[in-house]
Amino acid sequence: MASSFDFPSDLRAGQEELHQVRAELSVLLKRLPWSVEPLDGFSDVGGWRKVERPASPGWTADEQAEVEKLRQREHELAVFVSCHRFWAEVAAGERVDARMRLKHAHGAPPEQEDPAEGS
């Protein structure tokens, strides 16, 4: 079952851009306030776990637009990658393996094959 897959360049490029968009969105969301709308802070120390949040000034219209733009692009790329015509060429039993290899193929040249699989 250790087969090599010859992913089309547009599929590889779509997967790479999907990785980049998700990373950019993650960084953006970590930097933004915890609440989209302005909210007071709170503290709940009486529950089974302590939860505290500072007051949130909310997101600006530009920040909301940037998040929406990245989420929209992420959705477009996810649909492109998952619905690519290449998947019809892969045997049903090998699709999960092929999908996992594509997710990790962004650092390797298209024709590179794992030396451990050569036997």
N, C-alpha and C. Protein backbone atom coordinates (compact mmCIF):
# COMPACT_ATOMS: atom_id res chain seq x y z
N MET A 1 0.81 -1.19 0.00
CA MET A 1 0.00 0.00 0.00
C MET A 1 0.86 1.26 0.00
N ALA A 2 2.17 1.12 0.11
CA ALA A 2 3.07 2.27 0.11
C ALA A 2 3.31 2.71 -1.32
N SER A 3 2.36 3.36 -1.93
CA SER A 3 2.51 3.80 -3.30
C SER A 3 2.85 5.28 -3.35
N SER A 4 3.41 5.66 -4.49
CA SER A 4 3.74 7.05 -4.72
C SER A 4 2.64 7.66 -5.57
N PHE A 5 2.28 8.88 -5.28
CA PHE A 5 1.22 9.53 -6.03
C PHE A 5 1.80 10.70 -6.81
N ASP A 6 1.40 10.81 -8.05
CA ASP A 6 1.86 11.89 -8.91
C ASP A 6 0.79 12.99 -8.89
N PHE A 7 0.86 13.85 -7.88
CA PHE A 7 -0.15 14.90 -7.73
C PHE A 7 0.02 15.95 -8.81
N PRO A 8 -1.08 16.38 -9.44
CA PRO A 8 -1.00 17.47 -10.42
C PRO A 8 -0.50 18.75 -9.76
N SER A 9 0.18 19.58 -10.52
CA SER A 9 0.76 20.80 -9.96
C SER A 9 -0.30 21.75 -9.40
N ASP A 10 -1.47 21.83 -10.04
CA ASP A 10 -2.50 22.73 -9.52
C ASP A 10 -3.06 22.24 -8.19
N LEU A 11 -3.12 20.92 -8.01
CA LEU A 11 -3.58 20.36 -6.74
C LEU A 11 -2.55 20.62 -5.64
N ARG A 12 -1.27 20.42 -5.96
CA ARG A 12 -0.21 20.71 -4.98
C ARG A 12 -0.21 22.19 -4.61
N ALA A 13 -0.37 23.05 -5.61
CA ALA A 13 -0.39 24.50 -5.36
C ALA A 13 -1.60 24.89 -4.50
N GLY A 14 -2.75 24.28 -4.78
CA GLY A 14 -3.95 24.56 -3.99
C GLY A 14 -3.77 24.13 -2.55
N GLN A 15 -3.16 22.96 -2.34
CA GLN A 15 -2.93 22.47 -0.98
C GLN A 15 -1.94 23.38 -0.25
N GLU A 16 -0.88 23.81 -0.94
CA GLU A 16 0.11 24.70 -0.33
C GLU A 16 -0.54 26.04 0.06
N GLU A 17 -1.35 26.59 -0.83
CA GLU A 17 -2.02 27.85 -0.50
C GLU A 17 -2.99 27.66 0.66
N LEU A 18 -3.64 26.51 0.72
CA LEU A 18 -4.55 26.22 1.83
C LEU A 18 -3.78 26.21 3.15
N HIS A 19 -2.59 25.59 3.17
CA HIS A 19 -1.74 25.63 4.37
C HIS A 19 -1.41 27.07 4.75
N GLN A 20 -1.04 27.87 3.77
CA GLN A 20 -0.65 29.26 4.02
C GLN A 20 -1.81 30.09 4.55
N VAL A 21 -2.98 29.93 3.94
CA VAL A 21 -4.15 30.70 4.37
C VAL A 21 -4.54 30.31 5.79
N ARG A 22 -4.51 29.01 6.10
CA ARG A 22 -4.86 28.57 7.45
C ARG A 22 -3.86 29.10 8.48
N ALA A 23 -2.59 29.12 8.13
CA ALA A 23 -1.57 29.65 9.05
C ALA A 23 -1.79 31.14 9.26
N GLU A 24 -2.05 31.87 8.20
CA GLU A 24 -2.29 33.31 8.30
C GLU A 24 -3.53 33.61 9.14
N LEU A 25 -4.59 32.84 8.94
CA LEU A 25 -5.82 33.02 9.72
C LEU A 25 -5.57 32.71 11.19
N SER A 26 -4.82 31.68 11.47
CA SER A 26 -4.51 31.32 12.85
C SER A 26 -3.75 32.44 13.56
N VAL A 27 -2.74 32.99 12.89
CA VAL A 27 -1.97 34.09 13.47
C VAL A 27 -2.87 35.30 13.72
N LEU A 28 -3.71 35.61 12.75
CA LEU A 28 -4.61 36.76 12.88
C LEU A 28 -5.57 36.58 14.06
N LEU A 29 -6.18 35.40 14.16
CA LEU A 29 -7.15 35.16 15.24
C LEU A 29 -6.49 35.19 16.61
N LYS A 30 -5.24 34.76 16.72
CA LYS A 30 -4.54 34.80 18.00
C LYS A 30 -4.23 36.23 18.42
N ARG A 31 -4.07 37.11 17.45
CA ARG A 31 -3.71 38.49 17.75
C ARG A 31 -4.95 39.35 18.06
N LEU A 32 -6.10 38.95 17.58
CA LEU A 32 -7.32 39.74 17.77
C LEU A 32 -7.90 39.54 19.17
N PRO A 33 -8.71 40.49 19.64
CA PRO A 33 -9.39 40.32 20.93
C PRO A 33 -10.29 39.07 20.91
N TRP A 34 -10.57 38.54 22.07
CA TRP A 34 -11.31 37.29 22.17
C TRP A 34 -12.75 37.40 21.69
N SER A 35 -13.33 38.60 21.69
CA SER A 35 -14.72 38.77 21.27
C SER A 35 -14.79 39.70 20.06
N VAL A 36 -15.62 39.34 19.11
CA VAL A 36 -15.82 40.19 17.93
C VAL A 36 -16.49 41.50 18.34
N GLU A 37 -17.47 41.41 19.21
CA GLU A 37 -18.19 42.58 19.71
C GLU A 37 -17.55 43.06 21.01
N PRO A 38 -17.60 44.35 21.30
CA PRO A 38 -17.09 44.82 22.59
C PRO A 38 -17.87 44.20 23.75
N LEU A 39 -17.15 43.63 24.70
CA LEU A 39 -17.77 42.98 25.86
C LEU A 39 -16.94 43.26 27.10
N ASP A 40 -17.62 43.29 28.24
CA ASP A 40 -16.93 43.44 29.51
C ASP A 40 -16.16 42.15 29.82
N GLY A 41 -15.13 42.30 30.62
CA GLY A 41 -14.39 41.13 31.07
C GLY A 41 -15.20 40.37 32.10
N PHE A 42 -14.77 39.16 32.42
CA PHE A 42 -15.45 38.38 33.44
C PHE A 42 -14.48 37.42 34.09
N SER A 43 -14.89 36.92 35.23
CA SER A 43 -14.08 35.95 35.97
C SER A 43 -15.03 34.96 36.62
N ASP A 44 -14.79 33.70 36.38
CA ASP A 44 -15.60 32.64 36.99
C ASP A 44 -14.63 31.67 37.66
N VAL A 45 -14.42 31.88 38.95
CA VAL A 45 -13.49 31.03 39.68
C VAL A 45 -14.22 29.97 40.50
N GLY A 46 -15.54 29.97 40.47
CA GLY A 46 -16.32 29.02 41.27
C GLY A 46 -16.65 27.74 40.55
N GLY A 47 -16.40 27.65 39.27
CA GLY A 47 -16.73 26.45 38.50
C GLY A 47 -15.66 25.38 38.63
N TRP A 48 -15.79 24.34 37.86
CA TRP A 48 -14.83 23.24 37.92
C TRP A 48 -13.48 23.62 37.33
N ARG A 49 -13.46 24.71 36.54
CA ARG A 49 -12.18 25.25 36.09
C ARG A 49 -12.29 26.78 36.07
N LYS A 50 -11.20 27.40 36.35
CA LYS A 50 -11.17 28.86 36.41
C LYS A 50 -11.18 29.43 35.00
N VAL A 51 -12.08 30.39 34.75
CA VAL A 51 -12.17 31.05 33.45
C VAL A 51 -12.14 32.55 33.68
N GLU A 52 -11.21 33.22 33.03
CA GLU A 52 -11.12 34.67 33.13
C GLU A 52 -10.87 35.25 31.74
N ARG A 53 -11.54 36.35 31.48
CA ARG A 53 -11.34 37.08 30.22
C ARG A 53 -11.27 38.56 30.53
N PRO A 54 -10.31 39.25 29.93
CA PRO A 54 -10.29 40.70 30.09
C PRO A 54 -11.38 41.33 29.23
N ALA A 55 -11.64 42.60 29.45
CA ALA A 55 -12.61 43.30 28.60
C ALA A 55 -12.12 43.26 27.16
N SER A 56 -13.04 43.10 26.24
CA SER A 56 -12.69 43.05 24.82
C SER A 56 -13.20 44.30 24.11
N PRO A 57 -12.30 45.00 23.41
CA PRO A 57 -12.76 46.16 22.66
C PRO A 57 -13.51 45.78 21.38
N GLY A 58 -13.51 44.50 21.05
CA GLY A 58 -14.14 44.05 19.82
C GLY A 58 -13.19 44.19 18.64
N TRP A 59 -13.65 43.76 17.48
CA TRP A 59 -12.84 43.83 16.27
C TRP A 59 -13.27 45.05 15.46
N THR A 60 -12.32 45.64 14.78
CA THR A 60 -12.65 46.75 13.88
C THR A 60 -13.30 46.18 12.62
N ALA A 61 -13.89 47.04 11.84
CA ALA A 61 -14.50 46.60 10.58
C ALA A 61 -13.44 46.01 9.65
N ASP A 62 -12.24 46.58 9.65
CA ASP A 62 -11.15 46.05 8.82
C ASP A 62 -10.73 44.66 9.28
N GLU A 63 -10.66 44.45 10.59
CA GLU A 63 -10.28 43.14 11.12
C GLU A 63 -11.35 42.10 10.78
N GLN A 64 -12.61 42.48 10.91
CA GLN A 64 -13.69 41.56 10.55
C GLN A 64 -13.64 41.20 9.07
N ALA A 65 -13.36 42.20 8.24
CA ALA A 65 -13.28 41.96 6.80
C ALA A 65 -12.11 41.05 6.46
N GLU A 66 -10.98 41.23 7.13
CA GLU A 66 -9.80 40.40 6.88
C GLU A 66 -10.07 38.94 7.28
N VAL A 67 -10.70 38.75 8.43
CA VAL A 67 -11.04 37.38 8.86
C VAL A 67 -12.01 36.75 7.86
N GLU A 68 -13.02 37.49 7.45
CA GLU A 68 -14.00 36.97 6.49
C GLU A 68 -13.33 36.62 5.17
N LYS A 69 -12.43 37.47 4.70
CA LYS A 69 -11.72 37.22 3.44
C LYS A 69 -10.89 35.94 3.52
N LEU A 70 -10.18 35.76 4.63
CA LEU A 70 -9.35 34.55 4.80
C LEU A 70 -10.22 33.31 4.94
N ARG A 71 -11.32 33.41 5.67
CA ARG A 71 -12.20 32.25 5.83
C ARG A 71 -12.85 31.86 4.50
N GLN A 72 -13.21 32.85 3.71
CA GLN A 72 -13.79 32.58 2.39
C GLN A 72 -12.77 31.90 1.49
N ARG A 73 -11.53 32.40 1.49
CA ARG A 73 -10.48 31.80 0.66
C ARG A 73 -10.17 30.39 1.14
N GLU A 74 -10.15 30.18 2.45
CA GLU A 74 -9.92 28.85 3.01
C GLU A 74 -11.00 27.88 2.52
N HIS A 75 -12.24 28.32 2.52
CA HIS A 75 -13.34 27.48 2.06
C HIS A 75 -13.19 27.15 0.58
N GLU A 76 -12.89 28.16 -0.24
CA GLU A 76 -12.70 27.93 -1.69
C GLU A 76 -11.59 26.91 -1.94
N LEU A 77 -10.48 27.06 -1.24
CA LEU A 77 -9.35 26.14 -1.44
C LEU A 77 -9.67 24.73 -0.95
N ALA A 78 -10.37 24.63 0.18
CA ALA A 78 -10.74 23.31 0.69
C ALA A 78 -11.65 22.58 -0.30
N VAL A 79 -12.57 23.29 -0.89
CA VAL A 79 -13.45 22.70 -1.90
C VAL A 79 -12.65 22.31 -3.13
N PHE A 80 -11.76 23.19 -3.58
CA PHE A 80 -10.93 22.90 -4.76
C PHE A 80 -10.11 21.63 -4.54
N VAL A 81 -9.43 21.55 -3.39
CA VAL A 81 -8.57 20.40 -3.12
C VAL A 81 -9.38 19.12 -2.97
N SER A 82 -10.45 19.16 -2.20
CA SER A 82 -11.21 17.94 -1.93
C SER A 82 -12.03 17.45 -3.13
N CYS A 83 -12.36 18.34 -4.04
CA CYS A 83 -13.18 17.96 -5.20
C CYS A 83 -12.37 17.88 -6.49
N HIS A 84 -11.06 17.94 -6.40
CA HIS A 84 -10.19 17.92 -7.58
C HIS A 84 -10.41 16.62 -8.37
N ARG A 85 -10.33 16.72 -9.67
CA ARG A 85 -10.54 15.56 -10.54
C ARG A 85 -9.53 14.43 -10.28
N PHE A 86 -8.38 14.76 -9.71
CA PHE A 86 -7.35 13.76 -9.41
C PHE A 86 -7.87 12.63 -8.54
N TRP A 87 -8.75 12.94 -7.58
CA TRP A 87 -9.21 11.93 -6.63
C TRP A 87 -10.00 10.81 -7.31
N ALA A 88 -10.60 11.09 -8.46
CA ALA A 88 -11.33 10.04 -9.18
C ALA A 88 -10.37 9.02 -9.78
N GLU A 89 -9.11 9.41 -9.98
CA GLU A 89 -8.10 8.50 -10.54
C GLU A 89 -7.47 7.59 -9.49
N VAL A 90 -7.69 7.90 -8.22
CA VAL A 90 -7.09 7.13 -7.13
C VAL A 90 -8.09 6.08 -6.65
N ALA A 91 -7.61 4.85 -6.50
CA ALA A 91 -8.47 3.77 -6.02
C ALA A 91 -9.06 4.15 -4.66
N ALA A 92 -10.31 3.79 -4.44
CA ALA A 92 -11.01 4.17 -3.21
C ALA A 92 -10.22 3.80 -1.95
N GLY A 93 -9.60 2.64 -1.95
CA GLY A 93 -8.85 2.18 -0.79
C GLY A 93 -7.56 2.94 -0.54
N GLU A 94 -7.13 3.73 -1.51
CA GLU A 94 -5.87 4.47 -1.38
C GLU A 94 -6.09 5.97 -1.19
N ARG A 95 -7.33 6.43 -1.22
CA ARG A 95 -7.59 7.86 -1.17
C ARG A 95 -7.18 8.51 0.15
N VAL A 96 -7.41 7.84 1.25
CA VAL A 96 -7.03 8.42 2.55
C VAL A 96 -5.51 8.59 2.60
N ASP A 97 -4.78 7.55 2.18
CA ASP A 97 -3.31 7.62 2.17
C ASP A 97 -2.85 8.73 1.23
N ALA A 98 -3.45 8.82 0.07
CA ALA A 98 -3.07 9.86 -0.90
C ALA A 98 -3.35 11.25 -0.33
N ARG A 99 -4.48 11.41 0.33
CA ARG A 99 -4.83 12.72 0.90
C ARG A 99 -3.83 13.12 1.97
N MET A 100 -3.44 12.16 2.81
CA MET A 100 -2.46 12.45 3.85
C MET A 100 -1.10 12.81 3.24
N ARG A 101 -0.72 12.13 2.20
CA ARG A 101 0.55 12.43 1.54
C ARG A 101 0.52 13.82 0.91
N LEU A 102 -0.61 14.20 0.34
CA LEU A 102 -0.73 15.53 -0.25
C LEU A 102 -0.59 16.60 0.82
N LYS A 103 -1.20 16.38 1.99
CA LYS A 103 -1.12 17.36 3.07
C LYS A 103 0.32 17.60 3.50
N HIS A 104 1.18 16.61 3.35
CA HIS A 104 2.57 16.72 3.78
C HIS A 104 3.54 16.82 2.62
N ALA A 105 3.04 17.01 1.42
CA ALA A 105 3.90 17.04 0.23
C ALA A 105 4.45 18.42 -0.07
N HIS A 106 4.04 19.45 0.66
CA HIS A 106 4.42 20.82 0.31
C HIS A 106 5.91 21.08 0.42
N GLY A 107 6.65 20.30 1.19
CA GLY A 107 8.09 20.53 1.32
C GLY A 107 8.92 19.73 0.33
N ALA A 108 8.31 18.75 -0.31
CA ALA A 108 9.06 17.85 -1.19
C ALA A 108 8.77 18.18 -2.65
N PRO A 109 9.78 18.02 -3.52
CA PRO A 109 9.52 18.20 -4.95
C PRO A 109 8.52 17.16 -5.43
N PRO A 110 7.76 17.44 -6.50
CA PRO A 110 6.71 16.53 -6.96
C PRO A 110 7.18 15.11 -7.23
N GLU A 111 8.39 14.92 -7.77
CA GLU A 111 8.83 13.58 -8.14
C GLU A 111 9.57 12.86 -7.02
N GLN A 112 9.77 13.50 -5.87
CA GLN A 112 10.51 12.87 -4.78
C GLN A 112 9.70 11.72 -4.21
N GLU A 113 10.40 10.61 -3.96
CA GLU A 113 9.76 9.44 -3.37
C GLU A 113 10.49 9.09 -2.11
N ASP A 114 9.80 8.62 -1.12
CA ASP A 114 10.40 8.23 0.15
C ASP A 114 11.32 7.03 -0.10
N PRO A 115 12.63 7.14 0.25
CA PRO A 115 13.56 6.04 0.00
C PRO A 115 13.18 4.75 0.72
N ALA A 116 12.51 4.85 1.85
CA ALA A 116 12.11 3.66 2.60
C ALA A 116 11.03 2.89 1.85
N GLU A 117 10.36 3.54 0.92
CA GLU A 117 9.29 2.87 0.19
C GLU A 117 9.77 2.25 -1.12
N GLY A 118 11.00 2.46 -1.48
CA GLY A 118 11.51 1.99 -2.75
C GLY A 118 11.59 0.48 -2.88
N SER A 119 11.54 -0.24 -1.79
CA SER A 119 11.66 -1.71 -1.86
C SER A 119 10.35 -2.40 -2.02
